[in-house]
Each structure stands twice: as C-alpha cells, then as structure tokens.
C-alpha cells in the first residue's frame, strides 16, 4: 500500500481502495459492526466518501473489533466505542 510518510497520508490505487472497502463491508456484515462503520462515517454520509486515511483507520478498527468478538473482549474495553458528539455542528456553525 503506497504511503507518503512526509505528509502522513495514504495514497491508494483503485484496486487497493476497493479491496479495503470490500473487507470492511464483509467484516461489518459478518460481525454485526454496522455501529462501528456508522461511528466512522458520522457526518460524512457514506463509507465510499471516506478518504484513504479515514478508510485505513476504519479497517484497523473493524479488524480489531473482529479480534475482540473472537476473544470475547468488550468493544468498550478495546477503546472502539468513541463519542461522535464533537463532530456535531455547534451553535457558532449556524450563526452568520
């Protein structure tokens, strides 16, 4: 997977990106991880709209969640359940 260390951004080709999307969807459906995908896509709209860095973070989390499920480790104990409240629009966003 191509990675630009200086900028800290992944730059995937379309094949790598599609493979990651398929893997995320497969794990989401197999392990009932819809909530985790929704947590990552909150205020974004859809899984396909995540950039490569966001997609990489989600893939790491769904893989971790799969391991937790297999080992009976609570998701909260693994740090997978995070607040999305900070991504809500603030009152300042609505003021002109």
PDB file of N, CA and C in Angstrom:
ATOM      1  N   UNK A   1       0.852  -1.160   0.000  1.00  0.00           N
ATOM      2  CA  UNK A   1       0.000   0.000   0.000  1.00  0.00           C
ATOM      3  C   UNK A   1       0.897   1.222   0.000  1.00  0.00           C
ATOM      4  N   UNK A   2       0.807   2.035  -1.006  1.00  0.00           N
ATOM      5  CA  UNK A   2       1.644   3.230  -1.067  1.00  0.00           C
ATOM      6  C   UNK A   2       1.337   4.173   0.092  1.00  0.00           C
ATOM      7  N   UNK A   3       2.382   4.726   0.661  1.00  0.00           N
ATOM      8  CA  UNK A   3       2.213   5.613   1.799  1.00  0.00           C
ATOM      9  C   UNK A   3       3.213   6.750   1.677  1.00  0.00           C
ATOM     10  N   UNK A   4       2.745   7.944   1.867  1.00  0.00           N
ATOM     11  CA  UNK A   4       3.607   9.115   1.833  1.00  0.00           C
ATOM     12  C   UNK A   4       3.908   9.498   3.275  1.00  0.00           C
ATOM     13  N   UNK A   5       5.076   9.102   3.780  1.00  0.00           N
ATOM     14  CA  UNK A   5       5.447   9.350   5.179  1.00  0.00           C
ATOM     15  C   UNK A   5       5.476  10.828   5.526  1.00  0.00           C
ATOM     16  N   UNK A   6       5.993  11.655   4.638  1.00  0.00           N
ATOM     17  CA  UNK A   6       6.146  13.073   4.945  1.00  0.00           C
ATOM     18  C   UNK A   6       4.807  13.734   5.223  1.00  0.00           C
ATOM     19  N   UNK A   7       3.834  13.449   4.416  1.00  0.00           N
ATOM     20  CA  UNK A   7       2.524  14.073   4.591  1.00  0.00           C
ATOM     21  C   UNK A   7       1.628  13.268   5.521  1.00  0.00           C
ATOM     22  N   UNK A   8       1.973  12.004   5.768  1.00  0.00           N
ATOM     23  CA  UNK A   8       1.155  11.178   6.640  1.00  0.00           C
ATOM     24  C   UNK A   8      -0.152  10.743   6.019  1.00  0.00           C
ATOM     25  N   UNK A   9      -0.226  10.733   4.705  1.00  0.00           N
ATOM     26  CA  UNK A   9      -1.455  10.347   4.021  1.00  0.00           C
ATOM     27  C   UNK A   9      -1.224   9.116   3.167  1.00  0.00           C
ATOM     28  N   UNK A  10      -2.214   8.231   3.189  1.00  0.00           N
ATOM     29  CA  UNK A  10      -2.186   7.081   2.298  1.00  0.00           C
ATOM     30  C   UNK A  10      -2.647   7.534   0.927  1.00  0.00           C
ATOM     31  N   UNK A  11      -2.049   6.964  -0.090  1.00  0.00           N
ATOM     32  CA  UNK A  11      -2.489   7.218  -1.462  1.00  0.00           C
ATOM     33  C   UNK A  11      -2.621   5.868  -2.135  1.00  0.00           C
ATOM     34  N   UNK A  12      -3.833   5.353  -2.109  1.00  0.00           N
ATOM     35  CA  UNK A  12      -4.073   4.025  -2.646  1.00  0.00           C
ATOM     36  C   UNK A  12      -4.498   4.094  -4.098  1.00  0.00           C
ATOM     37  N   UNK A  13      -4.165   3.039  -4.816  1.00  0.00           N
ATOM     38  CA  UNK A  13      -4.720   2.907  -6.157  1.00  0.00           C
ATOM     39  C   UNK A  13      -6.144   2.368  -6.011  1.00  0.00           C
ATOM     40  N   UNK A  14      -6.884   2.345  -7.099  1.00  0.00           N
ATOM     41  CA  UNK A  14      -8.302   1.961  -7.035  1.00  0.00           C
ATOM     42  C   UNK A  14      -8.487   0.506  -6.603  1.00  0.00           C
ATOM     43  N   UNK A  15      -7.556  -0.370  -6.949  1.00  0.00           N
ATOM     44  CA  UNK A  15      -7.662  -1.786  -6.577  1.00  0.00           C
ATOM     45  C   UNK A  15      -7.516  -1.948  -5.061  1.00  0.00           C
ATOM     46  N   UNK A  16      -6.530  -1.291  -4.477  1.00  0.00           N
ATOM     47  CA  UNK A  16      -6.314  -1.367  -3.026  1.00  0.00           C
ATOM     48  C   UNK A  16      -7.501  -0.774  -2.282  1.00  0.00           C
ATOM     49  N   UNK A  17      -7.978   0.363  -2.746  1.00  0.00           N
ATOM     50  CA  UNK A  17      -9.118   1.010  -2.102  1.00  0.00           C
ATOM     51  C   UNK A  17     -10.360   0.117  -2.151  1.00  0.00           C
ATOM     52  N   UNK A  18     -10.630  -0.464  -3.299  1.00  0.00           N
ATOM     53  CA  UNK A  18     -11.802  -1.335  -3.447  1.00  0.00           C
ATOM     54  C   UNK A  18     -11.673  -2.579  -2.573  1.00  0.00           C
ATOM     55  N   UNK A  19     -10.477  -3.125  -2.490  1.00  0.00           N
ATOM     56  CA  UNK A  19     -10.257  -4.289  -1.629  1.00  0.00           C
ATOM     57  C   UNK A  19     -10.555  -3.931  -0.169  1.00  0.00           C
ATOM     58  N   UNK A  20     -10.080  -2.790   0.289  1.00  0.00           N
ATOM     59  CA  UNK A  20     -10.336  -2.352   1.667  1.00  0.00           C
ATOM     60  C   UNK A  20     -11.823  -2.145   1.917  1.00  0.00           C
ATOM     61  N   UNK A  21     -12.506  -1.536   0.973  1.00  0.00           N
ATOM     62  CA  UNK A  21     -13.954  -1.335   1.112  1.00  0.00           C
ATOM     63  C   UNK A  21     -14.682  -2.676   1.217  1.00  0.00           C
ATOM     64  N   UNK A  22     -14.304  -3.633   0.363  1.00  0.00           N
ATOM     65  CA  UNK A  22     -14.941  -4.958   0.412  1.00  0.00           C
ATOM     66  C   UNK A  22     -14.673  -5.645   1.745  1.00  0.00           C
ATOM     67  N   UNK A  23     -13.448  -5.547   2.245  1.00  0.00           N
ATOM     68  CA  UNK A  23     -13.090  -6.178   3.520  1.00  0.00           C
ATOM     69  C   UNK A  23     -13.882  -5.553   4.670  1.00  0.00           C
ATOM     70  N   UNK A  24     -13.975  -4.243   4.675  1.00  0.00           N
ATOM     71  CA  UNK A  24     -14.750  -3.554   5.713  1.00  0.00           C
ATOM     72  C   UNK A  24     -16.208  -3.996   5.657  1.00  0.00           C
ATOM     73  N   UNK A  25     -16.783  -4.034   4.473  1.00  0.00           N
ATOM     74  CA  UNK A  25     -18.193  -4.439   4.335  1.00  0.00           C
ATOM     75  C   UNK A  25     -18.401  -5.887   4.777  1.00  0.00           C
ATOM     76  N   UNK A  26     -17.470  -6.755   4.422  1.00  0.00           N
ATOM     77  CA  UNK A  26     -17.576  -8.165   4.794  1.00  0.00           C
ATOM     78  C   UNK A  26     -17.531  -8.321   6.314  1.00  0.00           C
ATOM     79  N   UNK A  27     -16.578  -7.664   6.960  1.00  0.00           N
ATOM     80  CA  UNK A  27     -16.483  -7.756   8.419  1.00  0.00           C
ATOM     81  C   UNK A  27     -17.665  -7.079   9.101  1.00  0.00           C
ATOM     82  N   UNK A  28     -18.095  -5.954   8.556  1.00  0.00           N
ATOM     83  CA  UNK A  28     -19.269  -5.245   9.097  1.00  0.00           C
ATOM     84  C   UNK A  28     -20.476  -6.176   9.113  1.00  0.00           C
ATOM     85  N   UNK A  29     -20.713  -6.850   8.006  1.00  0.00           N
ATOM     86  CA  UNK A  29     -21.887  -7.711   7.891  1.00  0.00           C
ATOM     87  C   UNK A  29     -21.731  -9.010   8.682  1.00  0.00           C
ATOM     88  N   UNK A  30     -20.548  -9.601   8.650  1.00  0.00           N
ATOM     89  CA  UNK A  30     -20.316 -10.881   9.329  1.00  0.00           C
ATOM     90  C   UNK A  30     -20.322 -10.754  10.848  1.00  0.00           C
ATOM     91  N   UNK A  31     -19.797  -9.650  11.350  1.00  0.00           N
ATOM     92  CA  UNK A  31     -19.654  -9.473  12.797  1.00  0.00           C
ATOM     93  C   UNK A  31     -20.612  -8.429  13.371  1.00  0.00           C
ATOM     94  N   UNK A  32     -21.567  -7.996  12.575  1.00  0.00           N
ATOM     95  CA  UNK A  32     -22.556  -7.000  13.005  1.00  0.00           C
ATOM     96  C   UNK A  32     -21.882  -5.745  13.551  1.00  0.00           C
ATOM     97  N   UNK A  33     -21.021  -5.168  12.717  1.00  0.00           N
ATOM     98  CA  UNK A  33     -20.260  -3.981  13.107  1.00  0.00           C
ATOM     99  C   UNK A  33     -20.774  -2.712  12.431  1.00  0.00           C
ATOM    100  N   UNK A  34     -22.049  -2.701  12.088  1.00  0.00           N
ATOM    101  CA  UNK A  34     -22.630  -1.517  11.446  1.00  0.00           C
ATOM    102  C   UNK A  34     -22.436  -0.274  12.306  1.00  0.00           C
ATOM    103  N   UNK A  35     -22.563  -0.450  13.606  1.00  0.00           N
ATOM    104  CA  UNK A  35     -22.407   0.679  14.532  1.00  0.00           C
ATOM    105  C   UNK A  35     -21.015   1.298  14.425  1.00  0.00           C
ATOM    106  N   UNK A  36     -19.996   0.460  14.200  1.00  0.00           N
ATOM    107  CA  UNK A  36     -18.623   0.955  14.108  1.00  0.00           C
ATOM    108  C   UNK A  36     -18.405   1.732  12.809  1.00  0.00           C
ATOM    109  N   UNK A  37     -18.982   1.226  11.728  1.00  0.00           N
ATOM    110  CA  UNK A  37     -18.893   1.937  10.445  1.00  0.00           C
ATOM    111  C   UNK A  37     -19.640   3.266  10.546  1.00  0.00           C
ATOM    112  N   UNK A  38     -20.815   3.250  11.179  1.00  0.00           N
ATOM    113  CA  UNK A  38     -21.579   4.491  11.356  1.00  0.00           C
ATOM    114  C   UNK A  38     -20.807   5.496  12.210  1.00  0.00           C
ATOM    115  N   UNK A  39     -20.091   5.012  13.197  1.00  0.00           N
ATOM    116  CA  UNK A  39     -19.279   5.892  14.041  1.00  0.00           C
ATOM    117  C   UNK A  39     -18.210   6.596  13.202  1.00  0.00           C
ATOM    118  N   UNK A  40     -17.597   5.880  12.273  1.00  0.00           N
ATOM    119  CA  UNK A  40     -16.550   6.456  11.425  1.00  0.00           C
ATOM    120  C   UNK A  40     -17.114   7.356  10.323  1.00  0.00           C
ATOM    121  N   UNK A  41     -18.347   7.092   9.903  1.00  0.00           N
ATOM    122  CA  UNK A  41     -18.923   7.868   8.797  1.00  0.00           C
ATOM    123  C   UNK A  41     -19.889   8.942   9.282  1.00  0.00           C
ATOM    124  N   UNK A  42     -19.954   9.165  10.580  1.00  0.00           N
ATOM    125  CA  UNK A  42     -20.843  10.180  11.141  1.00  0.00           C
ATOM    126  C   UNK A  42     -20.549  11.535  10.501  1.00  0.00           C
ATOM    127  N   UNK A  43     -21.577  12.186   9.995  1.00  0.00           N
ATOM    128  CA  UNK A  43     -21.489  13.490   9.311  1.00  0.00           C
ATOM    129  C   UNK A  43     -20.724  13.439   7.992  1.00  0.00           C
ATOM    130  N   UNK A  44     -20.429  12.256   7.495  1.00  0.00           N
ATOM    131  CA  UNK A  44     -19.739  12.131   6.210  1.00  0.00           C
ATOM    132  C   UNK A  44     -20.708  11.656   5.139  1.00  0.00           C
ATOM    133  N   UNK A  45     -21.586  10.765   5.498  1.00  0.00           N
ATOM    134  CA  UNK A  45     -22.592  10.322   4.550  1.00  0.00           C
ATOM    135  C   UNK A  45     -22.500   8.856   4.204  1.00  0.00           C
ATOM    136  N   UNK A  46     -21.382   8.434   3.651  1.00  0.00           N
ATOM    137  CA  UNK A  46     -21.279   7.052   3.203  1.00  0.00           C
ATOM    138  C   UNK A  46     -19.846   6.558   3.314  1.00  0.00           C
ATOM    139  N   UNK A  47     -19.727   5.267   3.409  1.00  0.00           N
ATOM    140  CA  UNK A  47     -18.422   4.622   3.508  1.00  0.00           C
ATOM    141  C   UNK A  47     -17.511   5.006   2.350  1.00  0.00           C
ATOM    142  N   UNK A  48     -18.055   5.068   1.158  1.00  0.00           N
ATOM    143  CA  UNK A  48     -17.264   5.393  -0.038  1.00  0.00           C
ATOM    144  C   UNK A  48     -16.692   6.807  -0.007  1.00  0.00           C
ATOM    145  N   UNK A  49     -17.226   7.668   0.843  1.00  0.00           N
ATOM    146  CA  UNK A  49     -16.768   9.055   0.894  1.00  0.00           C
ATOM    147  C   UNK A  49     -15.601   9.278   1.856  1.00  0.00           C
ATOM    148  N   UNK A  50     -15.208   8.240   2.591  1.00  0.00           N
ATOM    149  CA  UNK A  50     -14.043   8.370   3.465  1.00  0.00           C
ATOM    150  C   UNK A  50     -12.789   8.512   2.613  1.00  0.00           C
ATOM    151  N   UNK A  51     -11.849   9.356   3.052  1.00  0.00           N
ATOM    152  CA  UNK A  51     -10.579   9.425   2.327  1.00  0.00           C
ATOM    153  C   UNK A  51      -9.735   8.208   2.723  1.00  0.00           C
ATOM    154  N   UNK A  52      -8.602   8.034   2.091  1.00  0.00           N
ATOM    155  CA  UNK A  52      -7.799   6.833   2.312  1.00  0.00           C
ATOM    156  C   UNK A  52      -7.314   6.712   3.753  1.00  0.00           C
ATOM    157  N   UNK A  53      -6.959   7.816   4.391  1.00  0.00           N
ATOM    158  CA  UNK A  53      -6.544   7.778   5.801  1.00  0.00           C
ATOM    159  C   UNK A  53      -7.693   7.341   6.696  1.00  0.00           C
ATOM    160  N   UNK A  54      -8.874   7.892   6.459  1.00  0.00           N
ATOM    161  CA  UNK A  54     -10.051   7.533   7.249  1.00  0.00           C
ATOM    162  C   UNK A  54     -10.422   6.076   7.021  1.00  0.00           C
ATOM    163  N   UNK A  55     -10.300   5.630   5.782  1.00  0.00           N
ATOM    164  CA  UNK A  55     -10.595   4.242   5.441  1.00  0.00           C
ATOM    165  C   UNK A  55      -9.609   3.297   6.133  1.00  0.00           C
ATOM    166  N   UNK A  56      -8.341   3.677   6.171  1.00  0.00           N
ATOM    167  CA  UNK A  56      -7.327   2.865   6.851  1.00  0.00           C
ATOM    168  C   UNK A  56      -7.640   2.752   8.342  1.00  0.00           C
ATOM    169  N   UNK A  57      -8.047   3.859   8.961  1.00  0.00           N
ATOM    170  CA  UNK A  57      -8.395   3.843  10.386  1.00  0.00           C
ATOM    171  C   UNK A  57      -9.596   2.942  10.637  1.00  0.00           C
ATOM    172  N   UNK A  58     -10.587   3.010   9.761  1.00  0.00           N
ATOM    173  CA  UNK A  58     -11.766   2.161   9.902  1.00  0.00           C
ATOM    174  C   UNK A  58     -11.395   0.693   9.726  1.00  0.00           C
ATOM    175  N   UNK A  59     -10.583   0.379   8.743  1.00  0.00           N
ATOM    176  CA  UNK A  59     -10.165  -1.009   8.531  1.00  0.00           C
ATOM    177  C   UNK A  59      -9.440  -1.545   9.767  1.00  0.00           C
ATOM    178  N   UNK A  60      -8.562  -0.740  10.343  1.00  0.00           N
ATOM    179  CA  UNK A  60      -7.876  -1.169  11.569  1.00  0.00           C
ATOM    180  C   UNK A  60      -8.886  -1.436  12.689  1.00  0.00           C
ATOM    181  N   UNK A  61      -9.886  -0.573  12.800  1.00  0.00           N
ATOM    182  CA  UNK A  61     -10.882  -0.748  13.860  1.00  0.00           C
ATOM    183  C   UNK A  61     -11.771  -1.967  13.635  1.00  0.00           C
ATOM    184  N   UNK A  62     -12.202  -2.229  12.404  1.00  0.00           N
ATOM    185  CA  UNK A  62     -13.057  -3.407  12.185  1.00  0.00           C
ATOM    186  C   UNK A  62     -12.255  -4.696  12.371  1.00  0.00           C
ATOM    187  N   UNK A  63     -10.982  -4.672  12.007  1.00  0.00           N
ATOM    188  CA  UNK A  63     -10.133  -5.850  12.255  1.00  0.00           C
ATOM    189  C   UNK A  63      -9.962  -6.066  13.760  1.00  0.00           C
ATOM    190  N   UNK A  64      -9.771  -4.987  14.495  1.00  0.00           N
ATOM    191  CA  UNK A  64      -9.649  -5.072  15.954  1.00  0.00           C
ATOM    192  C   UNK A  64     -10.959  -5.568  16.568  1.00  0.00           C
ATOM    193  N   UNK A  65     -12.082  -5.073  16.062  1.00  0.00           N
ATOM    194  CA  UNK A  65     -13.393  -5.498  16.558  1.00  0.00           C
ATOM    195  C   UNK A  65     -13.627  -6.983  16.275  1.00  0.00           C
ATOM    196  N   UNK A  66     -13.180  -7.455  15.132  1.00  0.00           N
ATOM    197  CA  UNK A  66     -13.291  -8.884  14.801  1.00  0.00           C
ATOM    198  C   UNK A  66     -12.521  -9.703  15.829  1.00  0.00           C
ATOM    199  N   UNK A  67     -11.303  -9.278  16.138  1.00  0.00           N
ATOM    200  CA  UNK A  67     -10.499  -9.982  17.137  1.00  0.00           C
ATOM    201  C   UNK A  67     -11.181  -9.954  18.503  1.00  0.00           C
ATOM    202  N   UNK A  68     -11.751  -8.817  18.863  1.00  0.00           N
ATOM    203  CA  UNK A  68     -12.462  -8.704  20.138  1.00  0.00           C
ATOM    204  C   UNK A  68     -13.633  -9.676  20.193  1.00  0.00           C
ATOM    205  N   UNK A  69     -14.381  -9.766  19.103  1.00  0.00           N
ATOM    206  CA  UNK A  69     -15.518 -10.684  19.053  1.00  0.00           C
ATOM    207  C   UNK A  69     -15.056 -12.123  19.232  1.00  0.00           C
ATOM    208  N   UNK A  70     -13.985 -12.476  18.547  1.00  0.00           N
ATOM    209  CA  UNK A  70     -13.468 -13.845  18.629  1.00  0.00           C
ATOM    210  C   UNK A  70     -12.930 -14.177  20.013  1.00  0.00           C
ATOM    211  N   UNK A  71     -12.423 -13.167  20.728  1.00  0.00           N
ATOM    212  CA  UNK A  71     -11.800 -13.387  22.035  1.00  0.00           C
ATOM    213  C   UNK A  71     -12.681 -12.936  23.204  1.00  0.00           C
ATOM    214  N   UNK A  72     -13.939 -12.584  22.909  1.00  0.00           N
ATOM    215  CA  UNK A  72     -14.892 -12.135  23.936  1.00  0.00           C
ATOM    216  C   UNK A  72     -14.386 -10.950  24.754  1.00  0.00           C
ATOM    217  N   UNK A  73     -13.755 -10.004  24.080  1.00  0.00           N
ATOM    218  CA  UNK A  73     -13.303  -8.768  24.720  1.00  0.00           C
ATOM    219  C   UNK A  73     -14.337  -7.685  24.415  1.00  0.00           C
ATOM    220  N   UNK A  74     -14.881  -7.018  25.428  1.00  0.00           N
ATOM    221  CA  UNK A  74     -15.864  -5.959  25.172  1.00  0.00           C
ATOM    222  C   UNK A  74     -15.271  -4.840  24.304  1.00  0.00           C
ATOM    223  N   UNK A  75     -16.068  -4.364  23.371  1.00  0.00           N
ATOM    224  CA  UNK A  75     -15.615  -3.299  22.468  1.00  0.00           C
ATOM    225  C   UNK A  75     -15.183  -2.057  23.242  1.00  0.00           C
ATOM    226  N   UNK A  76     -15.908  -1.756  24.296  1.00  0.00           N
ATOM    227  CA  UNK A  76     -15.565  -0.571  25.093  1.00  0.00           C
ATOM    228  C   UNK A  76     -14.195  -0.730  25.747  1.00  0.00           C
ATOM    229  N   UNK A  77     -13.897  -1.928  26.239  1.00  0.00           N
ATOM    230  CA  UNK A  77     -12.586  -2.184  26.849  1.00  0.00           C
ATOM    231  C   UNK A  77     -11.457  -2.042  25.833  1.00  0.00           C
ATOM    232  N   UNK A  78     -11.753  -2.297  24.562  1.00  0.00           N
ATOM    233  CA  UNK A  78     -10.749  -2.195  23.497  1.00  0.00           C
ATOM    234  C   UNK A  78     -10.634  -0.776  22.948  1.00  0.00           C
ATOM    235  N   UNK A  79     -11.453   0.144  23.460  1.00  0.00           N
ATOM    236  CA  UNK A  79     -11.384   1.535  23.013  1.00  0.00           C
ATOM    237  C   UNK A  79     -12.038   1.789  21.669  1.00  0.00           C
ATOM    238  N   UNK A  80     -12.949   0.912  21.269  1.00  0.00           N
ATOM    239  CA  UNK A  80     -13.585   1.059  19.959  1.00  0.00           C
ATOM    240  C   UNK A  80     -14.825   1.941  19.983  1.00  0.00           C
ATOM    241  N   UNK A  81     -15.426   2.106  21.139  1.00  0.00           N
ATOM    242  CA  UNK A  81     -16.626   2.934  21.233  1.00  0.00           C
ATOM    243  C   UNK A  81     -16.188   4.346  21.594  1.00  0.00           C
ATOM    244  N   UNK A  82     -16.435   5.258  20.660  1.00  0.00           N
ATOM    245  CA  UNK A  82     -15.995   6.650  20.833  1.00  0.00           C
ATOM    246  C   UNK A  82     -17.179   7.595  20.650  1.00  0.00           C
ATOM    247  N   UNK A  83     -17.100   8.718  21.289  1.00  0.00           N
ATOM    248  CA  UNK A  83     -18.141   9.729  21.153  1.00  0.00           C
ATOM    249  C   UNK A  83     -18.049  10.401  19.784  1.00  0.00           C
ATOM    250  N   UNK A  84     -19.196  10.644  19.194  1.00  0.00           N
ATOM    251  CA  UNK A  84     -19.231  11.405  17.943  1.00  0.00           C
ATOM    252  C   UNK A  84     -19.761  12.814  18.195  1.00  0.00           C
ATOM    253  N   UNK A  85     -20.000  13.138  19.465  1.00  0.00           N
ATOM    254  CA  UNK A  85     -20.587  14.432  19.824  1.00  0.00           C
ATOM    255  C   UNK A  85     -19.738  15.608  19.364  1.00  0.00           C
ATOM    256  N   UNK A  86     -18.411  15.454  19.391  1.00  0.00           N
ATOM    257  CA  UNK A  86     -17.557  16.576  18.974  1.00  0.00           C
ATOM    258  C   UNK A  86     -17.677  16.871  17.482  1.00  0.00           C
ATOM    259  N   UNK A  87     -18.279  15.963  16.735  1.00  0.00           N
ATOM    260  CA  UNK A  87     -18.461  16.209  15.301  1.00  0.00           C
ATOM    261  C   UNK A  87     -19.817  16.825  14.970  1.00  0.00           C
ATOM    262  N   UNK A  88     -20.635  17.051  15.995  1.00  0.00           N
ATOM    263  CA  UNK A  88     -21.914  17.720  15.778  1.00  0.00           C
ATOM    264  C   UNK A  88     -21.672  19.195  15.487  1.00  0.00           C
ATOM    265  N   UNK A  89     -22.507  19.798  14.655  1.00  0.00           N
ATOM    266  CA  UNK A  89     -22.365  21.240  14.420  1.00  0.00           C
ATOM    267  C   UNK A  89     -22.608  22.004  15.719  1.00  0.00           C
ATOM    268  N   UNK A  90     -21.859  23.061  15.926  1.00  0.00           N
ATOM    269  CA  UNK A  90     -22.033  23.886  17.122  1.00  0.00           C
ATOM    270  C   UNK A  90     -22.958  25.055  16.796  1.00  0.00           C
ATOM    271  N   UNK A  91     -23.353  25.787  17.836  1.00  0.00           N
ATOM    272  CA  UNK A  91     -24.193  26.971  17.636  1.00  0.00           C
ATOM    273  C   UNK A  91     -23.495  27.979  16.734  1.00  0.00           C
ATOM    274  N   UNK A  92     -22.180  28.071  16.837  1.00  0.00           N
ATOM    275  CA  UNK A  92     -21.411  29.008  16.012  1.00  0.00           C
ATOM    276  C   UNK A  92     -21.521  28.679  14.525  1.00  0.00           C
ATOM    277  N   UNK A  93     -21.703  27.395  14.212  1.00  0.00           N
ATOM    278  CA  UNK A  93     -21.830  26.993  12.810  1.00  0.00           C
ATOM    279  C   UNK A  93     -23.108  27.541  12.175  1.00  0.00           C
ATOM    280  N   UNK A  94     -24.110  27.826  13.012  1.00  0.00           N
ATOM    281  CA  UNK A  94     -25.390  28.299  12.496  1.00  0.00           C
ATOM    282  C   UNK A  94     -25.506  29.819  12.492  1.00  0.00           C
ATOM    283  N   UNK A  95     -24.544  30.504  13.094  1.00  0.00           N
ATOM    284  CA  UNK A  95     -24.594  31.965  13.145  1.00  0.00           C
ATOM    285  C   UNK A  95     -23.837  32.551  11.965  1.00  0.00           C
ATOM    286  N   UNK A  96     -24.365  33.616  11.417  1.00  0.00           N
ATOM    287  CA  UNK A  96     -23.706  34.257  10.268  1.00  0.00           C
ATOM    288  C   UNK A  96     -22.798  35.360  10.707  1.00  0.00           C
TER     289      UNK A  96
END
